[in-house]
Amino acid sequence: MKNNINIPHELFRLKIKELAEEVRIKFAKKGLSDIFDILSETAFLIRKPLDIEGLSGFITYFENRFIVYLNTNFTLGHERYTAAHELYHIIYNEDILKREKVFLDKEKYKEEETKADVFAAEFLMPEDYVKEIFYKFINVDKEEVQPKHVVRMHNYFKVSYKAMLKRLIQLNLCSMAKYSELVEISSLENKDKLQSLTKEEGYNIDLIIPSKENYIPHEYIMYVKANYENGKISYDELKEALEFINPIGKLV
């Protein structure tokens, strides 16, 4: 890995790229392309603000179903990347998830975590399409890329500014030497500058602010209740399964 911005070696990337393409085609045949729709097809997707420092999202395995929690205190662009990361785990780490219940030990499964990150980039920002859009709408030398160019690209692919910048460097569309200069605007201190530039380029700022979305699928609540009514889980387990999603849990 290139340690400064965590870009994977090319052979490793290409192997994961094949997996991402297979998954994308699989869901495209079902008419699904948005990452949230795809994740909802494979698991119960819960999106809500979580007051847990540094936790973008996680998966649990409950009564034969995967449940994915995404932290909407992060920016929407970041959240979409996390969603693709978790999709990799569900598809390629099913046995581990079923055994461990919660996939949180990043040190124990470091390689799978790395693969999931690479998968997210390959899935959300397909190499050929990124190049096509770059040459169609940007088309500057890799030494001439400016923040406004990254803004245009990351809004097109609905990812974060920083994720898009790394992808442009990875695909040799932007010079590695430009990274420090270009990444600066995506820092927390410069959020106002990035928001202003985004508006100047004609985009809304949805991708670069937290959505604070609070979405719990009704099917999840019905599923938990049915398991309780069928004697598969205790009342305490029912309460535990629902307490995380209060105030909806108060309806029980």
Protein backbone atom coordinates (compact mmCIF):
# COMPACT_ATOMS: atom_id res chain seq x y z
CA MET A 1 0.00 0.00 0.00
CA LYS A 2 1.10 3.60 -0.59
CA ASN A 3 1.01 4.62 3.03
CA ASN A 4 0.47 8.35 2.61
CA ILE A 5 -3.04 8.08 1.14
CA ASN A 6 -3.64 4.35 1.46
CA ILE A 7 -3.82 3.46 -2.24
CA PRO A 8 -3.66 -0.32 -2.85
CA HIS A 9 -1.16 -2.05 -5.08
CA GLU A 10 -2.50 -2.41 -8.61
CA LEU A 11 -2.70 -6.21 -8.74
CA PHE A 12 -4.62 -6.28 -5.47
CA ARG A 13 -6.95 -3.55 -6.75
CA LEU A 14 -7.68 -5.36 -10.01
CA LYS A 15 -8.70 -8.52 -8.17
CA ILE A 16 -11.19 -6.57 -6.06
CA LYS A 17 -12.33 -4.66 -9.15
CA GLU A 18 -13.52 -7.96 -10.65
CA LEU A 19 -15.58 -8.70 -7.55
CA ALA A 20 -17.14 -5.23 -7.61
CA GLU A 21 -18.09 -5.61 -11.27
CA GLU A 22 -19.70 -8.99 -10.64
CA VAL A 23 -21.78 -7.58 -7.78
CA ARG A 24 -22.78 -4.48 -9.75
CA ILE A 25 -23.98 -6.61 -12.68
CA LYS A 26 -25.86 -8.96 -10.35
CA PHE A 27 -27.91 -6.13 -8.88
CA ALA A 28 -28.27 -4.27 -12.18
CA LYS A 29 -30.15 -7.32 -13.47
CA LYS A 30 -32.64 -6.69 -10.66
CA GLY A 31 -32.93 -3.04 -11.66
CA LEU A 32 -30.95 -1.84 -8.64
CA SER A 33 -28.10 0.65 -8.90
CA ASP A 34 -28.26 2.91 -5.83
CA ILE A 35 -26.14 1.62 -2.97
CA PHE A 36 -28.87 2.14 -0.35
CA ASP A 37 -31.37 0.20 -2.47
CA ILE A 38 -28.85 -2.59 -2.98
CA LEU A 39 -28.04 -2.80 0.71
CA SER A 40 -31.75 -2.86 1.55
CA GLU A 41 -32.08 -5.86 -0.76
CA THR A 42 -29.44 -7.82 1.14
CA ALA A 43 -30.10 -6.72 4.74
CA PHE A 44 -32.29 -4.64 7.00
CA LEU A 45 -30.82 -1.17 6.48
CA ILE A 46 -31.10 1.22 9.41
CA ARG A 47 -29.84 4.78 8.98
CA LYS A 48 -29.75 6.97 12.06
CA PRO A 49 -27.46 9.36 13.93
CA LEU A 50 -25.17 7.43 16.28
CA ASP A 51 -23.30 9.18 19.07
CA ILE A 52 -20.35 6.82 18.84
CA GLU A 53 -17.04 8.52 18.10
CA GLY A 54 -15.50 7.41 14.80
CA LEU A 55 -18.07 4.68 14.02
CA SER A 56 -19.35 5.05 10.46
CA GLY A 57 -21.46 1.91 10.55
CA PHE A 58 -21.58 -1.75 11.48
CA ILE A 59 -23.36 -5.05 10.84
CA THR A 60 -25.14 -7.39 13.21
CA TYR A 61 -26.59 -10.83 12.53
CA PHE A 62 -29.93 -11.40 14.23
CA GLU A 63 -32.16 -14.45 13.82
CA ASN A 64 -30.88 -15.34 10.35
CA ARG A 65 -30.92 -11.79 8.98
CA PHE A 66 -28.21 -9.21 8.54
CA ILE A 67 -28.85 -5.75 9.93
CA VAL A 68 -26.70 -2.85 8.74
CA TYR A 69 -26.52 0.34 10.78
CA LEU A 70 -25.20 3.48 9.07
CA ASN A 71 -24.30 6.54 11.11
CA THR A 72 -25.98 9.57 9.56
CA ASN A 73 -23.87 11.90 11.69
CA PHE A 74 -21.28 11.45 8.95
CA THR A 75 -21.65 13.22 5.61
CA LEU A 76 -23.92 11.58 3.05
CA GLY A 77 -20.95 10.97 0.73
CA HIS A 78 -19.09 9.21 3.54
CA GLU A 79 -22.21 7.25 4.46
CA ARG A 80 -22.63 5.94 0.92
CA TYR A 81 -19.02 4.75 0.95
CA THR A 82 -19.61 2.98 4.27
CA ALA A 83 -22.69 1.32 2.76
CA ALA A 84 -20.60 -0.14 -0.08
CA HIS A 85 -17.95 -1.24 2.44
CA GLU A 86 -20.59 -3.14 4.45
CA LEU A 87 -22.02 -4.66 1.26
CA TYR A 88 -18.65 -6.33 0.66
CA HIS A 89 -18.72 -7.88 4.12
CA ILE A 90 -22.24 -9.25 3.65
CA ILE A 91 -21.43 -10.83 0.30
CA TYR A 92 -17.88 -12.07 0.89
CA ASN A 93 -17.64 -12.48 4.69
CA GLU A 94 -20.99 -14.12 5.37
CA ASP A 95 -19.50 -17.01 7.39
CA ILE A 96 -17.42 -14.68 9.56
CA LEU A 97 -20.37 -12.41 10.22
CA LYS A 98 -22.63 -15.29 11.21
CA ARG A 99 -19.97 -16.60 13.57
CA GLU A 100 -18.93 -13.29 15.11
CA LYS A 101 -22.40 -11.66 15.03
CA VAL A 102 -20.81 -8.17 14.89
CA PHE A 103 -17.95 -7.44 12.50
CA LEU A 104 -15.95 -4.96 14.58
CA ASP A 105 -12.52 -6.52 15.11
CA LYS A 106 -10.65 -4.61 12.41
CA GLU A 107 -7.25 -5.92 13.53
CA LYS A 108 -8.29 -9.57 13.47
CA TYR A 109 -9.77 -9.21 9.98
CA LYS A 110 -7.48 -6.48 8.70
CA GLU A 111 -7.19 -7.90 5.18
CA GLU A 112 -10.95 -8.17 4.79
CA GLU A 113 -11.33 -4.59 6.01
CA THR A 114 -8.84 -3.47 3.37
CA LYS A 115 -10.65 -5.45 0.70
CA ALA A 116 -13.96 -3.88 1.75
CA ASP A 117 -12.50 -0.39 1.39
CA VAL A 118 -11.10 -1.13 -2.06
CA PHE A 119 -14.39 -2.76 -3.05
CA ALA A 120 -16.30 0.37 -2.04
CA ALA A 121 -14.15 2.53 -4.31
CA GLU A 122 -14.40 0.11 -7.22
CA PHE A 123 -18.15 -0.32 -6.77
CA LEU A 124 -19.10 3.34 -6.44
CA MET A 125 -16.49 4.74 -8.83
CA PRO A 126 -16.02 2.22 -11.67
CA GLU A 127 -12.65 2.76 -13.35
CA ASP A 128 -13.82 2.99 -16.96
CA TYR A 129 -16.74 5.26 -16.13
CA VAL A 130 -14.65 7.57 -13.96
CA LYS A 131 -12.20 7.99 -16.85
CA GLU A 132 -15.03 8.55 -19.31
CA ILE A 133 -16.62 11.28 -17.20
CA PHE A 134 -13.27 12.87 -16.37
CA TYR A 135 -12.22 13.21 -20.00
CA LYS A 136 -15.71 14.33 -21.03
CA PHE A 137 -16.24 17.06 -18.42
CA ILE A 138 -12.80 17.87 -16.94
CA ASN A 139 -10.09 16.86 -19.41
CA VAL A 140 -7.10 18.62 -17.88
CA ASP A 141 -3.56 17.42 -17.31
CA LYS A 142 -3.10 15.55 -14.04
CA GLU A 143 -0.92 18.41 -12.78
CA GLU A 144 -3.71 20.91 -13.45
CA VAL A 145 -6.53 19.36 -11.44
CA GLN A 146 -8.23 21.93 -9.17
CA PRO A 147 -10.70 21.58 -6.28
CA LYS A 148 -13.58 22.56 -8.56
CA HIS A 149 -12.78 19.56 -10.77
CA VAL A 150 -12.91 17.19 -7.82
CA VAL A 151 -16.21 18.78 -6.75
CA ARG A 152 -17.72 18.09 -10.17
CA MET A 153 -16.55 14.49 -10.12
CA HIS A 154 -17.57 13.62 -6.57
CA ASN A 155 -21.04 15.05 -7.13
CA TYR A 156 -21.40 12.98 -10.27
CA PHE A 157 -20.47 9.75 -8.47
CA LYS A 158 -22.21 10.69 -5.19
CA VAL A 159 -19.21 10.05 -2.98
CA SER A 160 -17.20 12.28 -0.68
CA TYR A 161 -14.74 14.85 -2.00
CA LYS A 162 -11.82 13.03 -0.37
CA ALA A 163 -12.81 9.60 -1.72
CA MET A 164 -13.07 11.04 -5.23
CA LEU A 165 -9.68 12.74 -4.97
CA LYS A 166 -8.03 9.48 -3.92
CA ARG A 167 -9.72 7.70 -6.80
CA LEU A 168 -8.48 10.26 -9.33
CA ILE A 169 -4.94 9.81 -8.05
CA GLN A 170 -5.27 6.04 -8.05
CA LEU A 171 -6.36 6.08 -11.70
CA ASN A 172 -3.55 8.50 -12.62
CA LEU A 173 -5.98 11.25 -13.53
CA CYS A 174 -4.52 13.50 -10.83
CA SER A 175 -0.91 13.83 -9.72
CA MET A 176 0.08 12.41 -6.34
CA ALA A 177 2.00 15.63 -5.77
CA LYS A 178 -1.29 17.56 -5.87
CA TYR A 179 -2.88 15.61 -3.02
CA SER A 180 -1.85 17.84 -0.10
CA GLU A 181 -3.01 20.95 -1.92
CA LEU A 182 -6.32 19.50 -3.08
CA VAL A 183 -7.31 17.65 0.08
CA GLU A 184 -7.01 20.75 2.25
CA ILE A 185 -10.45 22.07 1.30
CA SER A 186 -12.11 18.89 2.57
CA SER A 187 -10.88 19.38 6.14
CA LEU A 188 -13.36 20.24 8.88
CA GLU A 189 -11.77 23.68 9.24
CA ASN A 190 -12.46 24.44 5.58
CA LYS A 191 -16.02 23.08 5.36
CA ASP A 192 -17.40 26.55 4.60
CA LYS A 193 -15.00 26.93 1.67
CA LEU A 194 -16.00 23.57 0.25
CA GLN A 195 -19.68 24.37 0.65
CA SER A 196 -19.21 27.72 -1.10
CA LEU A 197 -17.28 26.13 -3.97
CA THR A 198 -19.92 23.41 -4.30
CA LYS A 199 -22.66 26.02 -4.63
CA GLU A 200 -20.57 28.03 -7.10
CA GLU A 201 -20.32 24.89 -9.25
CA GLY A 202 -24.10 24.60 -9.24
CA TYR A 203 -24.55 21.71 -6.82
CA ASN A 204 -26.38 21.44 -3.52
CA ILE A 205 -24.34 20.52 -0.46
CA ASP A 206 -26.18 17.31 0.46
CA LEU A 207 -23.15 15.07 -0.08
CA ILE A 208 -20.84 17.10 2.15
CA ILE A 209 -23.07 17.48 5.20
CA PRO A 210 -24.57 14.84 7.53
CA SER A 211 -28.04 13.81 6.41
CA LYS A 212 -29.13 13.12 10.02
CA GLU A 213 -31.53 10.66 8.40
CA ASN A 214 -33.52 8.51 10.81
CA TYR A 215 -34.74 5.57 8.74
CA ILE A 216 -35.84 2.24 10.17
CA PRO A 217 -37.63 -0.12 7.77
CA HIS A 218 -41.06 -1.18 8.99
CA GLU A 219 -40.16 -4.73 7.96
CA TYR A 220 -37.45 -4.79 10.62
CA ILE A 221 -39.91 -4.01 13.42
CA MET A 222 -42.37 -6.59 12.11
CA TYR A 223 -39.58 -9.17 11.84
CA VAL A 224 -38.45 -8.65 15.42
CA LYS A 225 -42.03 -8.80 16.73
CA ALA A 226 -42.74 -11.99 14.77
CA ASN A 227 -39.66 -13.66 16.25
CA TYR A 228 -40.89 -12.77 19.73
CA GLU A 229 -44.43 -13.95 19.06
CA ASN A 230 -43.13 -17.23 17.63
CA GLY A 231 -41.01 -17.82 20.73
CA LYS A 232 -37.67 -17.47 18.92
CA ILE A 233 -36.50 -14.62 21.15
CA SER A 234 -37.27 -13.61 24.72
CA TYR A 235 -38.97 -10.39 25.80
CA ASP A 236 -35.61 -9.03 26.94
CA GLU A 237 -34.16 -9.78 23.50
CA LEU A 238 -37.15 -8.06 21.92
CA LYS A 239 -36.56 -4.98 24.05
CA GLU A 240 -32.86 -5.00 23.22
CA ALA A 241 -33.55 -5.31 19.48
CA LEU A 242 -35.92 -2.36 19.58
CA GLU A 243 -34.30 -0.07 22.13
CA PHE A 244 -31.64 0.95 19.62
CA ILE A 245 -34.25 2.45 17.32
CA ASN A 246 -36.28 4.47 19.85
CA PRO A 247 -38.64 6.27 19.80
CA ILE A 248 -40.14 3.68 17.44
CA GLY A 249 -39.37 1.01 20.00
CA LYS A 250 -41.81 2.68 22.39
CA LEU A 251 -44.64 1.53 20.17
CA VAL A 252 -44.09 -2.05 21.27
